[in-house]
């Protein structure tokens, strides 16, 4: 039924200039590469296949969800919602307020902590608990303060909050200093640490360009245990850090698109396309590699991919 409806609406929007002009969307563009890539793919499909208009609007998770909740069209779409990382937002706006919808086809996300393969093999660093070894921490201390650095994520990331709690609850605080910085800083530091043969620990996740850029390995953590994974985000509790407890690895993530419910009234073909959109981890990792690793224009990467995957896009559009 949905594919039939979308095909009908899409056909109408392409057939009539007025309908095409009515199909428009503002896409939130968070600051991680995977989200930026997906945002550009959405923009390309809207413009080249639906015949509408699309704009990218920079913002963090809170800004984007608030704008979608308001439903005025300032931001209509979050291209890369990680669950349960962003569950505080989906509970508030999807489950409770009912103003935001999640797409129906999530892809799988994985996350943990990594070091370079060369460092892992040279110093027998394979577990998160190896970072509590004073000799390892010393090899990761770049500023001479007596602690190694571990990148936990970028400012504004829900996952950065989780990882900072993990650093505490894995008893790493005496040895490692959690650092927040833009992911471009992390990628550059990984490359620099490999070149200089020194240690660097960092939050790693898939999809991401890092797996194509460098030879890195994920550190083992205790298996996911819901009894040892009690994460509270700042939006839910000002004392989130003190009241959280995370001492196991993350469960596999579901990553999907979210969009304002009002988009279905304003631009029904775009809303139906977003509901049907389906990506996978390898595809998004390659997007990220093309953009961050090869420094290609995200718009060019998206245009090329949509043209080369016409049948797949047709499926999203119900054609």
Protein backbone atom coordinates (compact mmCIF):
# COMPACT_ATOMS: atom_id res chain seq x y z
CA UNK A 1 0.00 0.00 0.00
CA UNK A 2 2.75 2.44 0.95
CA UNK A 3 4.72 1.75 -2.23
CA UNK A 4 1.60 2.25 -4.32
CA UNK A 5 0.81 5.51 -2.56
CA UNK A 6 4.34 6.81 -2.92
CA UNK A 7 4.47 5.88 -6.59
CA UNK A 8 1.22 7.74 -7.18
CA UNK A 9 2.32 10.82 -5.23
CA UNK A 10 5.77 10.78 -6.80
CA UNK A 11 4.33 10.50 -10.28
CA UNK A 12 2.05 13.41 -9.59
CA UNK A 13 4.85 15.53 -8.17
CA UNK A 14 6.98 14.94 -11.23
CA UNK A 15 4.12 15.56 -13.62
CA UNK A 16 3.02 18.92 -12.27
CA UNK A 17 5.36 21.80 -11.65
CA UNK A 18 3.27 23.12 -8.77
CA UNK A 19 3.34 19.77 -6.99
CA UNK A 20 7.09 19.51 -7.43
CA UNK A 21 7.55 22.93 -5.88
CA UNK A 22 5.39 21.86 -2.95
CA UNK A 23 7.74 18.98 -2.15
CA UNK A 24 10.47 20.52 0.00
CA UNK A 25 12.41 19.53 3.09
CA UNK A 26 15.01 20.90 5.51
CA UNK A 27 17.40 18.16 6.59
CA UNK A 28 19.28 18.31 9.89
CA UNK A 29 23.03 17.83 9.47
CA UNK A 30 24.75 16.67 12.70
CA UNK A 31 28.52 16.89 12.94
CA UNK A 32 29.53 13.26 12.36
CA UNK A 33 30.48 12.13 8.87
CA UNK A 34 27.95 9.30 8.54
CA UNK A 35 25.08 11.66 9.30
CA UNK A 36 26.44 14.24 6.88
CA UNK A 37 26.67 11.60 4.17
CA UNK A 38 23.12 10.33 4.68
CA UNK A 39 21.81 13.89 4.75
CA UNK A 40 23.35 14.48 1.32
CA UNK A 41 21.90 11.24 -0.03
CA UNK A 42 18.44 12.33 1.12
CA UNK A 43 18.96 15.72 -0.50
CA UNK A 44 20.06 14.14 -3.78
CA UNK A 45 17.08 11.77 -3.92
CA UNK A 46 14.63 14.57 -3.15
CA UNK A 47 16.08 16.83 -5.83
CA UNK A 48 16.98 14.39 -8.60
CA UNK A 49 14.29 11.73 -8.19
CA UNK A 50 11.32 13.41 -6.51
CA UNK A 51 11.85 16.78 -8.16
CA UNK A 52 11.63 18.71 -4.91
CA UNK A 53 13.95 21.03 -3.05
CA UNK A 54 16.09 20.25 -0.02
CA UNK A 55 18.42 22.20 2.25
CA UNK A 56 20.89 21.02 4.90
CA UNK A 57 20.66 22.71 8.30
CA UNK A 58 23.55 22.18 10.75
CA UNK A 59 22.50 21.28 14.29
CA UNK A 60 23.03 18.95 17.21
CA UNK A 61 20.65 16.22 18.34
CA UNK A 62 18.72 18.44 20.75
CA UNK A 63 18.25 21.25 18.19
CA UNK A 64 17.12 18.90 15.46
CA UNK A 65 14.60 17.01 17.59
CA UNK A 66 13.17 20.22 19.02
CA UNK A 67 12.69 21.63 15.53
CA UNK A 68 11.04 18.43 14.31
CA UNK A 69 8.75 18.51 17.34
CA UNK A 70 7.65 22.06 16.50
CA UNK A 71 6.73 20.86 13.03
CA UNK A 72 7.14 24.23 11.33
CA UNK A 73 9.62 23.02 8.72
CA UNK A 74 12.73 24.70 10.16
CA UNK A 75 14.24 21.20 10.37
CA UNK A 76 12.19 18.24 9.18
CA UNK A 77 14.64 15.33 9.30
CA UNK A 78 17.33 13.77 11.48
CA UNK A 79 19.28 11.53 9.09
CA UNK A 80 21.09 9.26 11.55
CA UNK A 81 19.38 8.50 14.88
CA UNK A 82 21.37 6.02 16.99
CA UNK A 83 19.32 3.98 19.44
CA UNK A 84 19.51 3.58 22.36
CA UNK A 85 22.11 6.42 22.42
CA UNK A 86 19.47 9.03 21.54
CA UNK A 87 16.62 7.26 23.30
CA UNK A 88 15.95 10.22 25.59
CA UNK A 89 14.92 12.18 22.48
CA UNK A 90 12.87 9.42 20.86
CA UNK A 91 11.03 8.71 24.10
CA UNK A 92 10.15 12.39 24.43
CA UNK A 93 9.21 13.19 20.84
CA UNK A 94 8.32 9.84 19.23
CA UNK A 95 6.74 7.91 22.10
CA UNK A 96 5.31 10.65 24.32
CA UNK A 97 4.65 13.73 22.19
CA UNK A 98 3.99 11.72 19.03
CA UNK A 99 5.36 14.52 16.85
CA UNK A 100 8.26 12.62 15.26
CA UNK A 101 8.33 9.35 13.30
CA UNK A 102 11.18 6.85 12.91
CA UNK A 103 11.83 5.14 9.57
CA UNK A 104 10.98 1.46 9.28
CA UNK A 105 14.34 0.05 8.14
CA UNK A 106 17.20 0.62 10.61
CA UNK A 107 20.74 -0.42 9.84
CA UNK A 108 23.09 -1.93 12.42
CA UNK A 109 25.60 0.18 14.32
CA UNK A 110 28.48 -1.02 16.49
CA UNK A 111 30.63 0.91 18.91
CA UNK A 112 33.46 0.48 21.39
CA UNK A 113 37.02 1.66 21.97
CA UNK A 114 39.96 1.14 19.63
CA UNK A 115 43.72 1.47 19.34
CA UNK A 116 45.92 0.99 16.30
CA UNK A 117 46.72 -2.62 15.43
CA UNK A 118 50.44 -1.85 15.55
CA UNK A 119 50.19 -0.47 19.11
CA UNK A 120 47.99 -3.37 20.19
CA UNK A 121 50.48 -5.94 18.94
CA UNK A 122 53.59 -4.12 20.17
CA UNK A 123 52.32 -3.71 23.73
CA UNK A 124 49.79 -6.54 24.09
CA UNK A 125 46.84 -4.17 24.43
CA UNK A 126 43.67 -6.10 23.62
CA UNK A 127 41.24 -5.30 26.45
CA UNK A 128 39.77 -2.06 27.77
CA UNK A 129 41.34 -3.01 31.10
CA UNK A 130 44.81 -2.93 29.56
CA UNK A 131 44.44 0.85 29.66
CA UNK A 132 44.77 0.62 33.45
CA UNK A 133 48.37 -0.56 33.07
CA UNK A 134 50.70 2.32 34.03
CA UNK A 135 53.12 1.46 31.21
CA UNK A 136 50.33 1.67 28.63
CA UNK A 137 48.91 4.90 30.07
CA UNK A 138 52.39 6.46 29.94
CA UNK A 139 52.68 5.59 26.24
CA UNK A 140 49.37 7.40 25.64
CA UNK A 141 50.28 10.56 27.58
CA UNK A 142 50.87 13.24 24.96
CA UNK A 143 50.69 16.30 27.23
CA UNK A 144 52.85 15.11 30.13
CA UNK A 145 50.13 15.31 32.79
CA UNK A 146 50.65 11.73 33.89
CA UNK A 147 47.54 10.33 32.21
CA UNK A 148 46.89 8.94 28.76
CA UNK A 149 44.16 10.45 26.60
CA UNK A 150 41.07 8.60 25.45
CA UNK A 151 38.74 10.29 22.96
CA UNK A 152 35.15 9.68 24.09
CA UNK A 153 33.36 11.58 21.31
CA UNK A 154 32.44 15.04 20.13
CA UNK A 155 30.71 17.73 22.19
CA UNK A 156 26.94 17.23 22.09
CA UNK A 157 27.06 13.50 21.34
CA UNK A 158 24.96 11.27 23.58
CA UNK A 159 27.56 8.55 23.03
CA UNK A 160 30.26 10.80 24.48
CA UNK A 161 28.29 10.92 27.72
CA UNK A 162 28.03 7.12 27.74
CA UNK A 163 31.74 6.74 27.09
CA UNK A 164 32.74 9.15 29.83
CA UNK A 165 30.67 7.12 32.29
CA UNK A 166 32.36 3.98 30.99
CA UNK A 167 35.82 5.45 31.59
CA UNK A 168 34.82 6.00 35.22
CA UNK A 169 33.09 2.65 35.74
CA UNK A 170 35.87 0.65 34.06
CA UNK A 171 38.16 2.28 36.68
CA UNK A 172 40.20 4.08 34.04
CA UNK A 173 40.05 7.58 35.55
CA UNK A 174 43.32 7.20 37.47
CA UNK A 175 45.11 6.34 34.24
CA UNK A 176 43.22 7.87 31.32
CA UNK A 177 41.76 11.33 30.75
CA UNK A 178 38.51 11.43 28.75
CA UNK A 179 38.72 14.00 25.95
CA UNK A 180 35.91 15.50 23.88
CA UNK A 181 36.74 17.02 20.51
CA UNK A 182 35.36 17.03 16.99
CA UNK A 183 35.82 13.70 15.25
CA UNK A 184 38.13 15.29 12.68
CA UNK A 185 40.57 15.84 15.54
CA UNK A 186 40.30 12.16 16.49
CA UNK A 187 40.93 10.97 12.92
CA UNK A 188 43.97 13.23 12.57
CA UNK A 189 45.33 12.10 15.95
CA UNK A 190 44.95 8.41 15.06
CA UNK A 191 47.03 8.96 11.94
CA UNK A 192 49.61 11.00 13.81
CA UNK A 193 49.92 8.41 16.59
CA UNK A 194 50.50 5.61 14.07
CA UNK A 195 53.13 7.65 12.23
CA UNK A 196 54.94 8.47 15.49
CA UNK A 197 54.48 4.95 16.89
CA UNK A 198 52.81 6.08 20.09
CA UNK A 199 49.58 5.10 21.78
CA UNK A 200 46.13 6.61 21.40
CA UNK A 201 42.79 5.20 22.54
CA UNK A 202 39.56 6.40 21.01
CA UNK A 203 35.84 5.76 20.72
CA UNK A 204 35.28 3.84 17.52
CA UNK A 205 32.09 2.88 15.78
CA UNK A 206 30.77 1.44 12.59
CA UNK A 207 29.82 2.82 10.18
CA UNK A 208 32.84 5.14 10.05
CA UNK A 209 35.67 6.00 7.68
CA UNK A 210 38.29 4.96 10.25
CA UNK A 211 37.97 1.29 9.21
CA UNK A 212 39.03 2.20 5.66
CA UNK A 213 41.65 4.76 6.67
CA UNK A 214 43.79 2.90 9.22
CA UNK A 215 44.45 -0.57 10.59
CA UNK A 216 42.75 -0.37 13.99
CA UNK A 217 41.42 -2.96 16.42
CA UNK A 218 38.58 -2.85 18.89
CA UNK A 219 39.38 -3.50 22.55
CA UNK A 220 37.35 -6.19 24.27
CA UNK A 221 34.86 -5.14 26.93
CA UNK A 222 32.63 -7.17 29.24
CA UNK A 223 29.68 -8.55 27.27
CA UNK A 224 26.59 -6.37 27.18
CA UNK A 225 24.65 -6.72 30.43
CA UNK A 226 21.49 -4.64 30.92
CA UNK A 227 22.05 -4.80 34.69
CA UNK A 228 25.39 -3.05 34.21
CA UNK A 229 24.14 -0.56 31.64
CA UNK A 230 22.10 2.11 33.35
CA UNK A 231 22.67 5.27 31.33
CA UNK A 232 20.88 8.54 32.04
CA UNK A 233 21.33 11.46 29.64
CA UNK A 234 21.66 15.12 30.73
CA UNK A 235 18.28 15.92 29.17
CA UNK A 236 16.68 13.58 31.72
CA UNK A 237 18.66 14.37 34.86
CA UNK A 238 21.08 17.21 35.70
CA UNK A 239 22.95 14.70 37.87
CA UNK A 240 23.22 12.24 34.97
CA UNK A 241 26.90 11.47 35.50
CA UNK A 242 26.56 10.61 39.17
CA UNK A 243 23.37 8.60 38.63
CA UNK A 244 24.54 6.57 35.63
CA UNK A 245 26.41 3.27 35.72
CA UNK A 246 27.86 1.64 32.59
CA UNK A 247 30.27 -1.26 32.98
CA UNK A 248 29.63 -3.41 29.91
CA UNK A 249 29.87 -3.05 26.18
CA UNK A 250 27.03 -1.54 24.22
CA UNK A 251 24.31 -3.63 22.67
CA UNK A 252 24.09 -3.50 18.90
CA UNK A 253 22.57 -0.23 17.80
CA UNK A 254 19.64 0.47 15.54
CA UNK A 255 20.29 3.48 13.35
CA UNK A 256 17.47 5.07 11.40
CA UNK A 257 16.03 8.25 9.98
CA UNK A 258 13.59 10.39 11.97
CA UNK A 259 11.26 13.00 10.53
CA UNK A 260 8.57 15.41 11.67
CA UNK A 261 5.04 14.06 11.43
CA UNK A 262 3.93 17.29 9.78
CA UNK A 263 6.18 16.51 6.81
CA UNK A 264 3.60 13.98 5.61
CA UNK A 265 1.07 16.81 5.18
CA UNK A 266 3.49 19.29 3.63
CA UNK A 267 5.54 16.92 1.43
CA UNK A 268 3.93 13.47 1.32
CA UNK A 269 6.27 11.97 -1.31
CA UNK A 270 9.33 12.91 0.75
CA UNK A 271 7.79 11.53 3.94
CA UNK A 272 6.99 8.22 2.24
CA UNK A 273 10.50 8.01 0.80
CA UNK A 274 12.02 8.55 4.26
CA UNK A 275 9.76 5.88 5.76
CA UNK A 276 11.01 3.35 3.19
CA UNK A 277 14.67 4.38 3.05
CA UNK A 278 17.07 1.55 3.93
CA UNK A 279 20.87 1.65 4.24
CA UNK A 280 23.51 -0.71 5.67
CA UNK A 281 26.68 -0.38 7.71
CA UNK A 282 29.14 -1.04 4.87
CA UNK A 283 27.48 1.49 2.57
CA UNK A 284 27.54 4.24 5.19
CA UNK A 285 31.15 3.41 6.15
CA UNK A 286 32.13 3.79 2.50
CA UNK A 287 30.27 7.11 2.32
CA UNK A 288 32.27 8.28 5.33
CA UNK A 289 35.53 7.06 3.80
CA UNK A 290 34.89 8.85 0.51
CA UNK A 291 34.12 12.09 2.35
CA UNK A 292 36.56 12.04 5.28
CA UNK A 293 39.26 9.77 3.88
CA UNK A 294 39.43 10.90 0.27
CA UNK A 295 38.20 14.43 1.05
CA UNK A 296 35.55 14.31 -1.65
CA UNK A 297 32.57 16.65 -1.80
CA UNK A 298 29.66 14.97 0.05
CA UNK A 299 27.22 16.19 -2.58
CA UNK A 300 29.31 14.61 -5.34
CA UNK A 301 29.55 11.31 -3.44
CA UNK A 302 25.78 11.25 -2.91
CA UNK A 303 25.03 12.10 -6.53
CA UNK A 304 27.35 9.37 -7.78
CA UNK A 305 25.92 6.75 -5.41
CA UNK A 306 22.28 7.52 -6.25
CA UNK A 307 23.04 7.29 -9.98
CA UNK A 308 24.85 3.95 -9.54
CA UNK A 309 22.14 2.46 -7.28
CA UNK A 310 19.03 3.41 -9.22
CA UNK A 311 17.21 0.13 -8.56
CA UNK A 312 17.76 0.42 -4.83
CA UNK A 313 16.52 4.00 -4.80
CA UNK A 314 13.52 2.95 -6.91
CA UNK A 315 12.63 0.56 -4.10
CA UNK A 316 12.64 3.41 -1.60
CA UNK A 317 10.37 5.37 -3.90
CA UNK A 318 7.93 2.52 -4.54
CA UNK A 319 8.68 2.42 -8.26
